[in-house]
Structures are given as structure tokens and as C-alpha cells.
Amino acid sequence: MSGVRSDHTAGPWEAVQNAVNSVDILSGETVVAQVISEKDEITEGDIEWVDALLLAAAPDLLAFVQRYRDEAEATGGWKGDDDLFSAAVAAIAKAEGR
């Protein structure tokens, strides 16, 4: 994935129902993503609605994991669950397209 940017549209993002079968993920007035259902309608609790909420939480989740990594590294390295730290680093890399 050469040329992939590691920054993203600034958060916070929110999920807003756009039409009966779609949910927009917004950063202010900017549509960042859209979840569209093949069903006639998306309602709270549907998998498409839950997916939209997860997408809307992405900037906050990424910032948390980056802070977790940075604080662990600043204290002289991770002294806990190596699998957990590795998962955090892998999640950041995935979000940054690496």
C-alpha cells in the first residue's frame, strides 16, 4: 500500500442516519464514510447501525491506542502483557496503512 496517508479526517466523528437505509459518518459537515444496507431500513441495533457506531469511534480509539503505546514506550518499555502491546502496535499500523 505505498502512498497511503497516515493521517485522517479530524474527529470527533458521529453516526447520523441519512436515509432509511444508510448512515453517514460525519466529521462536522464532512461525510467521512457511509454505511448502506441492502435492507429497506436501518434501525438502532441492526448490524449496519453498530458498524456505523464503530466507524464513528475510530478516531477516538486510535488516539487511545497511540497514547497507550507512547506511555508504555516512555516508561522504558512495556512491562506487562507483550501480546497486548503487540496488538496495540499492530492496530496502529493497520489504521495508518502500514
C-alpha atoms as a PDB file:
ATOM      1  CA  MET A   1       0.000   0.000   0.000  1.00  0.00           C
ATOM      2  CA  SER A   2       2.534   2.603  -1.000  1.00  0.00           C
ATOM      3  CA  GLY A   3       1.349   6.177  -0.868  1.00  0.00           C
ATOM      4  CA  VAL A   4      -1.189   5.558   1.906  1.00  0.00           C
ATOM      5  CA  ARG A   5      -1.563   8.558   4.204  1.00  0.00           C
ATOM      6  CA  SER A   6      -1.191   8.021   7.925  1.00  0.00           C
ATOM      7  CA  ASP A   7      -3.319  10.996   8.942  1.00  0.00           C
ATOM      8  CA  HIS A   8      -7.099  11.098   8.819  1.00  0.00           C
ATOM      9  CA  THR A   9     -10.028  13.477   8.931  1.00  0.00           C
ATOM     10  CA  ALA A  10     -10.096  15.060  12.363  1.00  0.00           C
ATOM     11  CA  GLY A  11     -12.539  13.734  14.928  1.00  0.00           C
ATOM     12  CA  PRO A  12     -14.821  13.615  16.602  1.00  0.00           C
ATOM     13  CA  TRP A  13     -16.903  11.629  14.166  1.00  0.00           C
ATOM     14  CA  GLU A  14     -20.570  10.833  14.610  1.00  0.00           C
ATOM     15  CA  ALA A  15     -23.031   8.414  13.054  1.00  0.00           C
ATOM     16  CA  VAL A  16     -26.120  10.117  11.638  1.00  0.00           C
ATOM     17  CA  GLN A  17     -28.974   8.395   9.829  1.00  0.00           C
ATOM     18  CA  ASN A  18     -29.056   9.875   6.336  1.00  0.00           C
ATOM     19  CA  ALA A  19     -31.846   7.863   4.747  1.00  0.00           C
ATOM     20  CA  VAL A  20     -33.856   4.902   5.902  1.00  0.00           C
ATOM     21  CA  ASN A  21     -31.196   2.509   4.580  1.00  0.00           C
ATOM     22  CA  SER A  22     -27.967   4.477   5.155  1.00  0.00           C
ATOM     23  CA  VAL A  23     -25.945   6.043   7.951  1.00  0.00           C
ATOM     24  CA  ASP A  24     -23.365   8.763   7.357  1.00  0.00           C
ATOM     25  CA  ILE A  25     -20.198   9.030   9.432  1.00  0.00           C
ATOM     26  CA  LEU A  26     -19.617  12.762   9.818  1.00  0.00           C
ATOM     27  CA  SER A  27     -16.772  14.986  10.944  1.00  0.00           C
ATOM     28  CA  GLY A  28     -18.645  18.236  11.313  1.00  0.00           C
ATOM     29  CA  GLU A  29     -20.350  18.660   7.943  1.00  0.00           C
ATOM     30  CA  THR A  30     -17.900  16.379   6.095  1.00  0.00           C
ATOM     31  CA  VAL A  31     -19.068  12.868   5.214  1.00  0.00           C
ATOM     32  CA  VAL A  32     -16.154  10.599   6.107  1.00  0.00           C
ATOM     33  CA  ALA A  33     -17.891   7.304   5.326  1.00  0.00           C
ATOM     34  CA  GLN A  34     -21.311   5.865   4.699  1.00  0.00           C
ATOM     35  CA  VAL A  35     -22.846   2.567   5.731  1.00  0.00           C
ATOM     36  CA  ILE A  36     -25.519   1.418   3.295  1.00  0.00           C
ATOM     37  CA  SER A  37     -27.800  -1.520   3.883  1.00  0.00           C
ATOM     38  CA  GLU A  38     -29.340  -3.816   1.316  1.00  0.00           C
ATOM     39  CA  LYS A  39     -32.346  -3.921   3.627  1.00  0.00           C
ATOM     40  CA  ASP A  40     -35.119  -1.368   3.277  1.00  0.00           C
ATOM     41  CA  GLU A  41     -34.335   0.238   6.624  1.00  0.00           C
ATOM     42  CA  ILE A  42     -31.559   0.537   9.229  1.00  0.00           C
ATOM     43  CA  THR A  43     -32.681   0.798  12.830  1.00  0.00           C
ATOM     44  CA  GLU A  44     -30.711   1.022  16.070  1.00  0.00           C
ATOM     45  CA  GLY A  45     -29.410  -2.411  16.969  1.00  0.00           C
ATOM     46  CA  ASP A  46     -29.053  -3.558  13.349  1.00  0.00           C
ATOM     47  CA  ILE A  47     -25.562  -4.701  12.394  1.00  0.00           C
ATOM     48  CA  GLU A  48     -25.247  -1.771   9.974  1.00  0.00           C
ATOM     49  CA  TRP A  49     -26.021   0.709  12.785  1.00  0.00           C
ATOM     50  CA  VAL A  50     -23.495  -0.955  15.092  1.00  0.00           C
ATOM     51  CA  ASP A  51     -20.896  -0.890  12.296  1.00  0.00           C
ATOM     52  CA  ALA A  52     -21.555   2.849  11.829  1.00  0.00           C
ATOM     53  CA  LEU A  53     -21.035   3.464  15.545  1.00  0.00           C
ATOM     54  CA  LEU A  54     -17.729   1.568  15.432  1.00  0.00           C
ATOM     55  CA  LEU A  55     -16.582   3.628  12.450  1.00  0.00           C
ATOM     56  CA  ALA A  56     -17.569   6.840  14.241  1.00  0.00           C
ATOM     57  CA  ALA A  57     -15.473   5.789  17.261  1.00  0.00           C
ATOM     58  CA  ALA A  58     -12.365   5.107  15.135  1.00  0.00           C
ATOM     59  CA  PRO A  59     -10.509   8.421  15.725  1.00  0.00           C
ATOM     60  CA  ASP A  60     -11.055   8.169  19.496  1.00  0.00           C
ATOM     61  CA  LEU A  61      -9.982   4.522  19.585  1.00  0.00           C
ATOM     62  CA  LEU A  62      -6.859   5.248  17.527  1.00  0.00           C
ATOM     63  CA  ALA A  63      -5.900   8.176  19.764  1.00  0.00           C
ATOM     64  CA  PHE A  64      -6.311   5.983  22.848  1.00  0.00           C
ATOM     65  CA  VAL A  65      -4.165   3.168  21.456  1.00  0.00           C
ATOM     66  CA  GLN A  66      -1.487   5.646  20.322  1.00  0.00           C
ATOM     67  CA  ARG A  67      -1.415   7.179  23.808  1.00  0.00           C
ATOM     68  CA  TYR A  68      -1.206   3.708  25.370  1.00  0.00           C
ATOM     69  CA  ARG A  69       1.765   2.851  23.127  1.00  0.00           C
ATOM     70  CA  ASP A  70       3.506   6.178  23.733  1.00  0.00           C
ATOM     71  CA  GLU A  71       3.159   5.968  27.520  1.00  0.00           C
ATOM     72  CA  ALA A  72       4.375   2.369  27.546  1.00  0.00           C
ATOM     73  CA  GLU A  73       7.425   3.316  25.485  1.00  0.00           C
ATOM     74  CA  ALA A  74       8.097   6.439  27.611  1.00  0.00           C
ATOM     75  CA  THR A  75       8.331   4.346  30.773  1.00  0.00           C
ATOM     76  CA  GLY A  76      11.251   2.380  29.382  1.00  0.00           C
ATOM     77  CA  GLY A  77       9.351  -0.273  27.544  1.00  0.00           C
ATOM     78  CA  TRP A  78       6.338  -2.423  28.115  1.00  0.00           C
ATOM     79  CA  LYS A  79       6.478  -4.428  31.334  1.00  0.00           C
ATOM     80  CA  GLY A  80       3.217  -6.285  31.022  1.00  0.00           C
ATOM     81  CA  ASP A  81       1.462  -8.449  28.506  1.00  0.00           C
ATOM     82  CA  ASP A  82       3.648  -8.431  25.385  1.00  0.00           C
ATOM     83  CA  ASP A  83       0.744  -9.740  23.299  1.00  0.00           C
ATOM     84  CA  LEU A  84      -1.377  -6.772  24.359  1.00  0.00           C
ATOM     85  CA  PHE A  85       1.355  -4.269  23.480  1.00  0.00           C
ATOM     86  CA  SER A  86       1.985  -6.015  20.140  1.00  0.00           C
ATOM     87  CA  ALA A  87      -1.752  -5.901  19.389  1.00  0.00           C
ATOM     88  CA  ALA A  88      -1.771  -2.149  20.086  1.00  0.00           C
ATOM     89  CA  VAL A  89       1.194  -1.560  17.767  1.00  0.00           C
ATOM     90  CA  ALA A  90      -0.410  -3.732  15.062  1.00  0.00           C
ATOM     91  CA  ALA A  91      -3.726  -1.862  15.342  1.00  0.00           C
ATOM     92  CA  ILE A  92      -1.948   1.474  14.893  1.00  0.00           C
ATOM     93  CA  ALA A  93      -0.052   0.150  11.875  1.00  0.00           C
ATOM     94  CA  LYS A  94      -3.290  -1.121  10.327  1.00  0.00           C
ATOM     95  CA  ALA A  95      -5.013   2.232  10.879  1.00  0.00           C
ATOM     96  CA  GLU A  96      -2.027   4.016   9.319  1.00  0.00           C
ATOM     97  CA  GLY A  97      -1.965   1.704   6.299  1.00  0.00           C
ATOM     98  CA  ARG A  98       1.343   0.045   7.168  1.00  0.00           C
END
